[in-house]
C-alpha atoms as a PDB file:
ATOM      1  CA  MET A   1     131.776  40.832 142.106  1.00  0.00           C
ATOM      2  CA  ASN A   2     132.459  37.982 144.534  1.00  0.00           C
ATOM      3  CA  ARG A   3     136.223  37.492 144.917  1.00  0.00           C
ATOM      4  CA  THR A   4     135.958  33.683 144.808  1.00  0.00           C
ATOM      5  CA  PHE A   5     134.037  33.909 141.540  1.00  0.00           C
ATOM      6  CA  ILE A   6     136.645  36.264 140.103  1.00  0.00           C
ATOM      7  CA  LYS A   7     139.450  33.830 140.927  1.00  0.00           C
ATOM      8  CA  LEU A   8     137.460  30.973 139.375  1.00  0.00           C
ATOM      9  CA  LEU A   9     136.813  33.036 136.239  1.00  0.00           C
ATOM     10  CA  ILE A  10     140.477  33.972 135.978  1.00  0.00           C
ATOM     11  CA  SER A  11     141.639  30.413 136.591  1.00  0.00           C
ATOM     12  CA  LEU A  12     139.362  29.010 133.884  1.00  0.00           C
ATOM     13  CA  SER A  13     140.113  31.800 131.417  1.00  0.00           C
ATOM     14  CA  ALA A  14     143.845  31.705 132.063  1.00  0.00           C
ATOM     15  CA  SER A  15     143.804  27.927 131.647  1.00  0.00           C
ATOM     16  CA  SER A  16     142.247  28.352 128.219  1.00  0.00           C
ATOM     17  CA  LEU A  17     144.726  31.047 127.283  1.00  0.00           C
ATOM     18  CA  LEU A  18     147.720  29.072 128.415  1.00  0.00           C
ATOM     19  CA  ALA A  19     146.468  26.069 126.485  1.00  0.00           C
ATOM     20  CA  THR A  20     146.957  28.074 123.302  1.00  0.00           C
ATOM     21  CA  SER A  21     150.377  29.410 124.340  1.00  0.00           C
ATOM     22  CA  ALA A  22     153.628  27.485 124.448  1.00  0.00           C
ATOM     23  CA  LEU A  23     154.210  26.720 128.104  1.00  0.00           C
ATOM     24  CA  ALA A  24     157.823  25.997 127.242  1.00  0.00           C
ATOM     25  CA  GLY A  25     158.269  29.737 126.729  1.00  0.00           C
ATOM     26  CA  ILE A  26     157.287  30.690 130.272  1.00  0.00           C
ATOM     27  CA  ASP A  27     160.848  30.513 131.602  1.00  0.00           C
ATOM     28  CA  GLU A  28     162.029  32.726 128.743  1.00  0.00           C
ATOM     29  CA  GLY A  29     159.088  35.006 129.424  1.00  0.00           C
ATOM     30  CA  LYS A  30     160.138  35.414 133.050  1.00  0.00           C
ATOM     31  CA  THR A  31     163.527  36.697 131.879  1.00  0.00           C
ATOM     32  CA  THR A  32     161.830  39.326 129.713  1.00  0.00           C
ATOM     33  CA  TYR A  33     159.467  40.205 132.556  1.00  0.00           C
ATOM     34  CA  ASP A  34     162.298  40.617 135.073  1.00  0.00           C
ATOM     35  CA  THR A  35     164.333  42.865 132.788  1.00  0.00           C
ATOM     36  CA  LEU A  36     161.546  44.960 131.265  1.00  0.00           C
ATOM     37  CA  CYS A  37     157.944  44.364 132.280  1.00  0.00           C
ATOM     38  CA  GLY A  38     158.390  44.307 136.061  1.00  0.00           C
ATOM     39  CA  GLY A  39     158.983  48.050 136.260  1.00  0.00           C
ATOM     40  CA  CYS A  40     155.270  48.604 135.650  1.00  0.00           C
ATOM     41  CA  HIS A  41     153.570  45.208 136.075  1.00  0.00           C
ATOM     42  CA  GLY A  42     155.383  44.621 139.360  1.00  0.00           C
ATOM     43  CA  THR A  43     154.383  47.988 140.842  1.00  0.00           C
ATOM     44  CA  GLY A  44     151.194  49.070 139.091  1.00  0.00           C
ATOM     45  CA  ALA A  45     152.918  52.088 137.540  1.00  0.00           C
ATOM     46  CA  LEU A  46     150.999  53.724 134.661  1.00  0.00           C
ATOM     47  CA  ASN A  47     147.916  51.692 135.702  1.00  0.00           C
ATOM     48  CA  ALA A  48     149.499  48.447 134.513  1.00  0.00           C
ATOM     49  CA  PRO A  49     147.802  45.269 135.855  1.00  0.00           C
ATOM     50  CA  VAL A  50     150.010  43.864 138.596  1.00  0.00           C
ATOM     51  CA  LEU A  51     151.491  40.398 138.272  1.00  0.00           C
ATOM     52  CA  GLY A  52     149.231  37.885 140.040  1.00  0.00           C
ATOM     53  CA  ASN A  53     146.363  40.345 140.691  1.00  0.00           C
ATOM     54  CA  ALA A  54     143.373  38.417 139.329  1.00  0.00           C
ATOM     55  CA  GLU A  55     140.896  41.263 139.571  1.00  0.00           C
ATOM     56  CA  GLN A  56     143.099  43.642 137.574  1.00  0.00           C
ATOM     57  CA  TRP A  57     143.643  41.031 134.842  1.00  0.00           C
ATOM     58  CA  LYS A  58     140.099  39.637 134.519  1.00  0.00           C
ATOM     59  CA  ASP A  59     138.857  41.999 131.781  1.00  0.00           C
ATOM     60  CA  ARG A  60     142.050  41.537 129.757  1.00  0.00           C
ATOM     61  CA  VAL A  61     141.942  37.760 130.094  1.00  0.00           C
ATOM     62  CA  ALA A  62     138.321  37.680 128.935  1.00  0.00           C
ATOM     63  CA  GLN A  63     139.325  39.238 125.579  1.00  0.00           C
ATOM     64  CA  GLY A  64     141.372  36.207 124.550  1.00  0.00           C
ATOM     65  CA  ILE A  65     145.045  35.396 124.151  1.00  0.00           C
ATOM     66  CA  SER A  66     145.495  37.022 120.732  1.00  0.00           C
ATOM     67  CA  VAL A  67     144.187  40.355 121.991  1.00  0.00           C
ATOM     68  CA  VAL A  68     146.399  40.275 125.083  1.00  0.00           C
ATOM     69  CA  GLU A  69     149.448  39.419 122.989  1.00  0.00           C
ATOM     70  CA  GLN A  70     148.755  42.071 120.336  1.00  0.00           C
ATOM     71  CA  ASN A  71     148.190  44.738 122.994  1.00  0.00           C
ATOM     72  CA  ALA A  72     151.598  43.888 124.474  1.00  0.00           C
ATOM     73  CA  ILE A  73     153.256  43.940 121.043  1.00  0.00           C
ATOM     74  CA  LYS A  74     151.572  47.043 119.632  1.00  0.00           C
ATOM     75  CA  GLY A  75     151.001  48.974 122.864  1.00  0.00           C
ATOM     76  CA  LEU A  76     147.859  50.018 124.688  1.00  0.00           C
ATOM     77  CA  LYS A  77     147.031  53.377 126.271  1.00  0.00           C
ATOM     78  CA  MET A  78     150.072  54.356 128.392  1.00  0.00           C
ATOM     79  CA  MET A  79     151.977  51.144 127.642  1.00  0.00           C
ATOM     80  CA  PRO A  80     154.345  51.635 124.684  1.00  0.00           C
ATOM     81  CA  PRO A  81     154.773  48.922 122.036  1.00  0.00           C
ATOM     82  CA  LYS A  82     156.812  46.025 123.432  1.00  0.00           C
ATOM     83  CA  GLY A  83     157.128  47.822 126.757  1.00  0.00           C
ATOM     84  CA  GLY A  84     159.321  50.482 125.188  1.00  0.00           C
ATOM     85  CA  ASN A  85     161.965  48.050 123.862  1.00  0.00           C
ATOM     86  CA  PRO A  86     161.432  47.620 120.096  1.00  0.00           C
ATOM     87  CA  SER A  87     164.495  45.362 119.847  1.00  0.00           C
ATOM     88  CA  LEU A  88     162.537  42.511 121.431  1.00  0.00           C
ATOM     89  CA  SER A  89     160.951  39.989 119.084  1.00  0.00           C
ATOM     90  CA  ASP A  90     157.222  39.286 119.029  1.00  0.00           C
ATOM     91  CA  GLU A  91     157.997  35.818 120.387  1.00  0.00           C
ATOM     92  CA  GLN A  92     159.758  37.278 123.433  1.00  0.00           C
ATOM     93  CA  ILE A  93     156.756  39.467 124.191  1.00  0.00           C
ATOM     94  CA  ILE A  94     154.383  36.507 123.740  1.00  0.00           C
ATOM     95  CA  ASP A  95     156.502  34.469 126.168  1.00  0.00           C
ATOM     96  CA  ALA A  96     156.352  37.340 128.687  1.00  0.00           C
ATOM     97  CA  VAL A  97     152.557  37.381 128.372  1.00  0.00           C
ATOM     98  CA  ALA A  98     152.459  33.619 128.973  1.00  0.00           C
ATOM     99  CA  TYR A  99     154.588  34.064 132.101  1.00  0.00           C
ATOM    100  CA  MET A 100     152.285  36.763 133.489  1.00  0.00           C
ATOM    101  CA  LEU A 101     149.207  34.643 132.771  1.00  0.00           C
ATOM    102  CA  SER A 102     150.831  31.721 134.582  1.00  0.00           C
ATOM    103  CA  ALA A 103     150.712  33.798 137.771  1.00  0.00           C
ATOM    104  CA  LEU A 104     146.889  33.935 137.716  1.00  0.00           C
ATOM    105  CA  ASP A 105     146.371  30.731 139.697  1.00  0.00           C
ATOM    106  CA  ALA A 106     146.165  28.735 136.466  1.00  0.00           C
ATOM    107  CA  PRO A 107     146.738  24.967 136.732  1.00  0.00           C
ATOM    108  CA  ALA A 108     150.327  24.065 135.874  1.00  0.00           C
ATOM    109  CA  ASN A 109     149.334  20.829 134.091  1.00  0.00           C
ATOM    110  CA  VAL A 110     147.351  22.390 131.251  1.00  0.00           C
ATOM    111  CA  VAL A 111     148.055  20.485 128.037  1.00  0.00           C
ATOM    112  CA  ASN A 112     148.570  22.423 124.828  1.00  0.00           C
ATOM    113  CA  THR A 113     147.016  20.313 122.079  1.00  0.00           C
ATOM    114  CA  ALA A 114     148.174  22.693 119.358  1.00  0.00           C
ATOM    115  CA  ALA A 115     151.908  22.248 119.907  1.00  0.00           C
ATOM    116  CA  PRO A 116     154.302  20.071 121.934  1.00  0.00           C
ATOM    117  CA  VAL A 117     155.301  21.495 125.272  1.00  0.00           C
ATOM    118  CA  SER A 118     158.141  20.987 127.684  1.00  0.00           C
ATOM    119  CA  SER A 119     157.718  18.255 130.270  1.00  0.00           C
ATOM    120  CA  ALA A 120     159.397  20.447 132.865  1.00  0.00           C
ATOM    121  CA  PRO A 121     156.960  21.604 135.577  1.00  0.00           C
ATOM    122  CA  VAL A 122     156.008  25.257 135.640  1.00  0.00           C
ATOM    123  CA  GLN A 123     157.628  26.891 138.650  1.00  0.00           C
ATOM    124  CA  PRO A 124     155.227  28.661 141.019  1.00  0.00           C
ATOM    125  CA  VAL A 125     155.409  32.431 140.952  1.00  0.00           C
ATOM    126  CA  VAL A 126     156.576  34.082 144.157  1.00  0.00           C
ATOM    127  CA  LYS A 127     154.727  37.354 144.591  1.00  0.00           C
ATOM    128  CA  ALA A 128     157.244  39.887 145.788  1.00  0.00           C
ATOM    129  CA  ASN A 129     156.481  42.875 147.983  1.00  0.00           C
ATOM    130  CA  THR A 130     156.532  45.921 145.722  1.00  0.00           C
ATOM    131  CA  ALA A 131     157.798  48.165 148.518  1.00  0.00           C
ATOM    132  CA  ASN A 132     161.374  49.334 148.204  1.00  0.00           C
ATOM    133  CA  THR A 133     162.618  47.011 150.927  1.00  0.00           C
ATOM    134  CA  PHE A 134     166.277  47.487 150.031  1.00  0.00           C
ATOM    135  CA  ASN A 135     166.134  51.132 151.037  1.00  0.00           C
ATOM    136  CA  ARG A 136     167.936  52.062 154.240  1.00  0.00           C
ATOM    137  CA  LEU A 137     165.105  54.457 155.046  1.00  0.00           C
ATOM    138  CA  LEU A 138     162.869  51.453 155.689  1.00  0.00           C
ATOM    139  CA  LYS A 139     165.364  49.540 157.845  1.00  0.00           C
ATOM    140  CA  GLY A 140     166.227  50.018 161.451  1.00  0.00           C
ATOM    141  CA  GLY A 141     169.387  49.363 163.399  1.00  0.00           C
ATOM    142  CA  LYS A 142     172.939  49.124 162.168  1.00  0.00           C
ATOM    143  CA  GLU A 143     173.602  46.677 159.383  1.00  0.00           C
ATOM    144  CA  GLU A 144     176.772  45.461 157.774  1.00  0.00           C
ATOM    145  CA  TRP A 145     177.593  47.176 154.503  1.00  0.00           C
ATOM    146  CA  ASN A 146     178.081  45.028 151.412  1.00  0.00           C
ATOM    147  CA  PRO A 147     177.666  41.581 152.978  1.00  0.00           C
ATOM    148  CA  ASP A 148     178.621  38.484 151.018  1.00  0.00           C
ATOM    149  CA  PRO A 149     176.000  37.382 148.457  1.00  0.00           C
ATOM    150  CA  ALA A 150     174.767  34.471 150.560  1.00  0.00           C
ATOM    151  CA  ASP A 151     174.124  36.851 153.472  1.00  0.00           C
ATOM    152  CA  ASP A 152     172.710  39.893 151.670  1.00  0.00           C
ATOM    153  CA  GLY A 153     169.032  38.915 151.816  1.00  0.00           C
ATOM    154  CA  ILE A 154     168.808  39.038 148.018  1.00  0.00           C
ATOM    155  CA  HIS A 155     170.569  35.872 146.860  1.00  0.00           C
ATOM    156  CA  ASP A 156     169.401  32.407 147.875  1.00  0.00           C
ATOM    157  CA  PRO A 157     171.570  31.202 150.775  1.00  0.00           C
ATOM    158  CA  ASP A 158     170.469  27.613 150.082  1.00  0.00           C
ATOM    159  CA  HIS A 159     171.891  27.723 146.565  1.00  0.00           C
ATOM    160  CA  GLU A 160     175.527  26.670 146.462  1.00  0.00           C
ATOM    161  CA  GLU A 161     176.380  29.051 143.609  1.00  0.00           C
ATOM    162  CA  SER A 162     175.621  32.036 145.866  1.00  0.00           C
ATOM    163  CA  TYR A 163     178.869  31.184 147.646  1.00  0.00           C
ATOM    164  CA  TYR A 164     180.852  31.274 144.388  1.00  0.00           C
ATOM    165  CA  LEU A 165     180.006  34.919 143.674  1.00  0.00           C
ATOM    166  CA  GLN A 166     182.638  37.548 144.345  1.00  0.00           C
ATOM    167  CA  SER A 167     182.267  39.482 147.582  1.00  0.00           C
ATOM    168  CA  PRO A 168     181.192  43.124 146.998  1.00  0.00           C
ATOM    169  CA  LYS A 169     183.902  44.297 149.396  1.00  0.00           C
ATOM    170  CA  GLU A 170     186.502  42.728 147.131  1.00  0.00           C
ATOM    171  CA  ALA A 171     184.845  43.902 143.908  1.00  0.00           C
ATOM    172  CA  PHE A 172     184.514  47.518 145.114  1.00  0.00           C
ATOM    173  CA  GLU A 173     188.070  47.815 146.433  1.00  0.00           C
ATOM    174  CA  GLY A 174     189.847  50.849 144.977  1.00  0.00           C
ATOM    175  CA  LEU A 175     186.691  52.597 143.788  1.00  0.00           C
ATOM    176  CA  PRO A 176     185.850  56.129 145.037  1.00  0.00           C
ATOM    177  CA  GLU A 177     183.986  55.940 148.296  1.00  0.00           C
ATOM    178  CA  SER A 178     180.622  57.301 149.333  1.00  0.00           C
ATOM    179  CA  ARG A 179     178.957  57.440 152.728  1.00  0.00           C
ATOM    180  CA  TYR A 180     175.680  55.897 151.609  1.00  0.00           C
ATOM    181  CA  GLY A 181     174.257  52.966 149.644  1.00  0.00           C
ATOM    182  CA  ASN A 182     176.976  50.411 148.954  1.00  0.00           C
ATOM    183  CA  HIS A 183     179.645  52.999 149.851  1.00  0.00           C
ATOM    184  CA  VAL A 184     180.730  53.523 146.240  1.00  0.00           C
ATOM    185  CA  ASP A 185     180.405  56.879 144.490  1.00  0.00           C
ATOM    186  CA  TRP A 186     179.398  55.489 141.111  1.00  0.00           C
ATOM    187  CA  VAL A 187     179.081  58.898 139.452  1.00  0.00           C
ATOM    188  CA  GLU A 188     182.679  59.761 140.358  1.00  0.00           C
ATOM    189  CA  ALA A 189     183.812  56.276 139.383  1.00  0.00           C
ATOM    190  CA  LEU A 190     182.337  56.825 135.940  1.00  0.00           C
ATOM    191  CA  ALA A 191     183.696  60.377 135.596  1.00  0.00           C
ATOM    192  CA  THR A 192     187.240  59.302 136.527  1.00  0.00           C
ATOM    193  CA  SER A 193     187.098  56.163 134.342  1.00  0.00           C
ATOM    194  CA  ALA A 194     187.505  53.938 137.378  1.00  0.00           C
ATOM    195  CA  ILE A 195     184.748  51.951 135.708  1.00  0.00           C
ATOM    196  CA  ASN A 196     183.980  51.755 132.004  1.00  0.00           C
ATOM    197  CA  PRO A 197     180.563  50.113 131.622  1.00  0.00           C
ATOM    198  CA  ARG A 198     179.610  48.743 128.233  1.00  0.00           C
ATOM    199  CA  PHE A 199     176.681  50.748 126.864  1.00  0.00           C
ATOM    200  CA  ASP A 200     175.440  47.992 124.581  1.00  0.00           C
ATOM    201  CA  ARG A 201     175.428  44.357 125.651  1.00  0.00           C
ATOM    202  CA  LEU A 202     176.181  43.074 122.158  1.00  0.00           C
ATOM    203  CA  ASP A 203     178.211  45.922 120.661  1.00  0.00           C
ATOM    204  CA  ALA A 204     181.321  46.791 122.685  1.00  0.00           C
ATOM    205  CA  ASP A 205     182.068  49.800 120.470  1.00  0.00           C
ATOM    206  CA  LYS A 206     178.675  51.477 120.734  1.00  0.00           C
ATOM    207  CA  LYS A 207     178.789  54.812 122.544  1.00  0.00           C
ATOM    208  CA  PRO A 208     175.979  56.329 124.629  1.00  0.00           C
ATOM    209  CA  PHE A 209     173.963  59.332 123.575  1.00  0.00           C
ATOM    210  CA  VAL A 210     174.698  61.660 126.490  1.00  0.00           C
ATOM    211  CA  LEU A 211     172.079  64.327 127.182  1.00  0.00           C
ATOM    212  CA  ASP A 212     173.510  67.153 129.301  1.00  0.00           C
ATOM    213  CA  LEU A 213     170.210  68.535 130.589  1.00  0.00           C
ATOM    214  CA  ASN A 214     169.052  69.166 134.149  1.00  0.00           C
ATOM    215  CA  ILE A 215     165.371  68.967 135.047  1.00  0.00           C
ATOM    216  CA  VAL A 216     164.416  70.999 138.130  1.00  0.00           C
ATOM    217  CA  ARG A 217     161.256  70.114 140.045  1.00  0.00           C
ATOM    218  CA  GLU A 218     160.126  72.741 142.505  1.00  0.00           C
ATOM    219  CA  VAL A 219     158.895  71.329 145.789  1.00  0.00           C
ATOM    220  CA  LYS A 220     156.787  72.850 148.513  1.00  0.00           C
ATOM    221  CA  GLY A 221     158.010  73.674 151.992  1.00  0.00           C
ATOM    222  CA  SER A 222     161.557  74.291 153.090  1.00  0.00           C
ATOM    223  CA  MET A 223     163.203  71.373 151.248  1.00  0.00           C
ATOM    224  CA  PRO A 224     165.506  72.372 148.370  1.00  0.00           C
ATOM    225  CA  ASN A 225     164.206  71.740 144.857  1.00  0.00           C
ATOM    226  CA  VAL A 226     164.939  68.444 143.142  1.00  0.00           C
ATOM    227  CA  VAL A 227     167.514  68.440 140.343  1.00  0.00           C
ATOM    228  CA  TYR A 228     167.461  65.510 137.926  1.00  0.00           C
ATOM    229  CA  PRO A 229     170.695  65.386 135.889  1.00  0.00           C
ATOM    230  CA  HIS A 230     170.237  63.594 132.580  1.00  0.00           C
ATOM    231  CA  LYS A 231     174.003  63.556 131.967  1.00  0.00           C
ATOM    232  CA  GLN A 232     174.922  61.193 134.800  1.00  0.00           C
ATOM    233  CA  HIS A 233     172.067  58.880 133.876  1.00  0.00           C
ATOM    234  CA  THR A 234     172.472  58.801 130.094  1.00  0.00           C
ATOM    235  CA  GLU A 235     176.200  58.115 130.349  1.00  0.00           C
ATOM    236  CA  TRP A 236     175.300  54.491 130.957  1.00  0.00           C
ATOM    237  CA  LEU A 237     171.535  54.202 130.497  1.00  0.00           C
ATOM    238  CA  ASP A 238     169.541  54.413 127.278  1.00  0.00           C
ATOM    239  CA  CYS A 239     166.548  56.768 127.254  1.00  0.00           C
ATOM    240  CA  SER A 240     164.212  53.782 126.832  1.00  0.00           C
ATOM    241  CA  ASN A 241     165.050  52.622 130.362  1.00  0.00           C
ATOM    242  CA  CYS A 242     162.834  55.403 131.716  1.00  0.00           C
ATOM    243  CA  HIS A 243     160.780  56.740 128.803  1.00  0.00           C
ATOM    244  CA  PRO A 244     157.913  56.342 128.363  1.00  0.00           C
ATOM    245  CA  ALA A 245     157.196  53.356 130.634  1.00  0.00           C
ATOM    246  CA  ILE A 246     158.292  54.995 133.903  1.00  0.00           C
ATOM    247  CA  PHE A 247     158.207  58.699 133.041  1.00  0.00           C
ATOM    248  CA  THR A 248     156.209  60.351 130.263  1.00  0.00           C
ATOM    249  CA  PRO A 249     158.624  62.729 128.490  1.00  0.00           C
ATOM    250  CA  LYS A 250     156.288  65.716 128.683  1.00  0.00           C
ATOM    251  CA  LYS A 251     156.258  68.670 131.046  1.00  0.00           C
ATOM    252  CA  GLY A 252     153.670  68.292 133.794  1.00  0.00           C
ATOM    253  CA  ALA A 253     152.751  64.739 132.808  1.00  0.00           C
ATOM    254  CA  ASN A 254     154.362  63.023 135.829  1.00  0.00           C
ATOM    255  CA  GLN A 255     152.981  63.298 139.351  1.00  0.00           C
ATOM    256  CA  ILE A 256     155.888  62.233 141.540  1.00  0.00           C
ATOM    257  CA  SER A 257     155.593  61.631 145.272  1.00  0.00           C
ATOM    258  CA  MET A 258     157.872  60.256 147.967  1.00  0.00           C
ATOM    259  CA  ALA A 259     155.207  57.693 148.863  1.00  0.00           C
ATOM    260  CA  SER A 260     155.240  56.180 145.375  1.00  0.00           C
ATOM    261  CA  ILE A 261     159.052  56.236 145.268  1.00  0.00           C
ATOM    262  CA  ILE A 262     159.254  54.347 148.571  1.00  0.00           C
ATOM    263  CA  MET A 263     156.837  51.788 147.110  1.00  0.00           C
ATOM    264  CA  GLY A 264     159.328  51.112 144.333  1.00  0.00           C
ATOM    265  CA  GLN A 265     157.712  53.226 141.639  1.00  0.00           C
ATOM    266  CA  GLN A 266     159.039  56.161 139.587  1.00  0.00           C
ATOM    267  CA  CYS A 267     162.563  56.980 140.890  1.00  0.00           C
ATOM    268  CA  GLY A 268     162.225  54.044 143.300  1.00  0.00           C
ATOM    269  CA  VAL A 269     162.427  51.574 140.409  1.00  0.00           C
ATOM    270  CA  CYS A 270     166.211  52.031 140.708  1.00  0.00           C
ATOM    271  CA  HIS A 271     167.015  54.170 143.739  1.00  0.00           C
ATOM    272  CA  GLY A 272     167.239  52.108 146.880  1.00  0.00           C
ATOM    273  CA  LYS A 273     167.747  48.954 144.818  1.00  0.00           C
ATOM    274  CA  VAL A 274     170.623  49.448 142.375  1.00  0.00           C
ATOM    275  CA  ALA A 275     171.226  53.171 142.892  1.00  0.00           C
ATOM    276  CA  PHE A 276     171.781  55.208 146.068  1.00  0.00           C
ATOM    277  CA  PRO A 277     168.931  55.085 148.607  1.00  0.00           C
ATOM    278  CA  ILE A 278     166.353  57.853 148.912  1.00  0.00           C
ATOM    279  CA  SER A 279     167.285  58.390 152.541  1.00  0.00           C
ATOM    280  CA  GLU A 280     170.113  60.546 151.166  1.00  0.00           C
ATOM    281  CA  CYS A 281     167.735  63.455 150.622  1.00  0.00           C
ATOM    282  CA  ARG A 282     170.328  66.045 149.585  1.00  0.00           C
ATOM    283  CA  SER A 283     171.545  63.939 146.699  1.00  0.00           C
ATOM    284  CA  CYS A 284     168.346  64.848 144.846  1.00  0.00           C
ATOM    285  CA  HIS A 285     167.094  67.887 146.768  1.00  0.00           C
ATOM    286  CA  SER A 286     170.177  69.880 145.804  1.00  0.00           C
ATOM    287  CA  GLN A 287     168.970  73.252 144.530  1.00  0.00           C
ATOM    288  CA  LYS A 288     168.597  75.823 147.273  1.00  0.00           C
ATOM    289  CA  LYS A 289     165.542  77.990 147.091  1.00  0.00           C
ATOM    290  CA  GLU A 290     165.920  81.694 146.611  1.00  0.00           C
ATOM    291  CA  VAL A 291     165.213  83.570 149.821  1.00  0.00           C
ATOM    292  CA  ALA A 292     162.593  86.232 149.236  1.00  0.00           C
ATOM    293  CA  ALA A 293     163.836  89.750 149.887  1.00  0.00           C
ATOM    294  CA  LYS A 294     162.464  91.268 153.060  1.00  0.00           C
END
């Protein structure tokens, strides 16, 4: 199908869909997308349509807004209901759908005749590179560790509040050190109670369900096997962070590759961004292979 025609079809269809959605909810929908949906819809994991990719969304858009919303709420194929977070309301999911539709080159001045909408203009969506660009493996030269927020390439240096944020060097002072990532050994910091992260945002007394289970993935060649320790992860992450949206909890159901991880999928959803970078091979490839007897 001609690409120009596809974009026209998407633009017209998305305009119609957005006209029946509350545009005022798009900002709220972006928050839900950033915290939940982006793991798959930002990377294409589990065959999810990627944000802003008109061709991948065209068949879904053609079904109508109610179908798209109900699929997001109830789940579809590999996507779990509400993206794997049942605590979200239907309205939050509907807002997230509206935000994703707003990225399909739809006009920002569509008027919703069914309900009043905000007069605030819809902000254009910046399509981010899905590659794991924060990973040291993809960067060359020597770079300063833990630069100030305005200089870290993540925060907006033109926004004055970036200069009010605490410097990482100051925040990390006194924590156990590591030679990689942001130079903090977060696992040791947690084990020694140097940090005490709240497991539940709303309930300060809620304790994590810690699963002390190692998953070993045998790899080909001379590299040691990969050991995934559930304990260190579940001490401050709920199971729903990974299952089933990122990893299907079934033996043999996940085909993991370094290429996909570097592109910000699977383990790369966190590692290289908020967890240690994948350039530290031995942190994961930690089980030595048995040497066959001669």
